[in-house]
Amino acid sequence: MCVFFDSGVAEQCREDDAEEVKNKEGANFCDYFRPNHRAHDLTYAGAESRARAELDALFGAGNDGDENGNEDDSGAAAEDLFR
């Protein structure tokens, strides 16, 4: 929820002077914390939800088969794209 958070950089923080937060589950404090106004922006959440729904509609809900290893036909829509 911080503007400096970036999962693609070392220690997941773009602020060079900040100390690494090792326990992200527990309470912690950072002098450099600045709230990210986009952290809970429904515009981005809505776009992600729509994209996931479209993928689920195209490829199924992620079921690769049952417990016996039998495949279902969720990939049929994907196969139809290449015919």
Foldseek 3Di string as FASTA:
>chain_A
DFPQAAPPDPLRGNDPPWDRDPDPPDDDDTPRGDDDPCPPPVVVVVVVVVVLVVCCVQQNPPDQADPVRDGDCSCVSVVVVVD
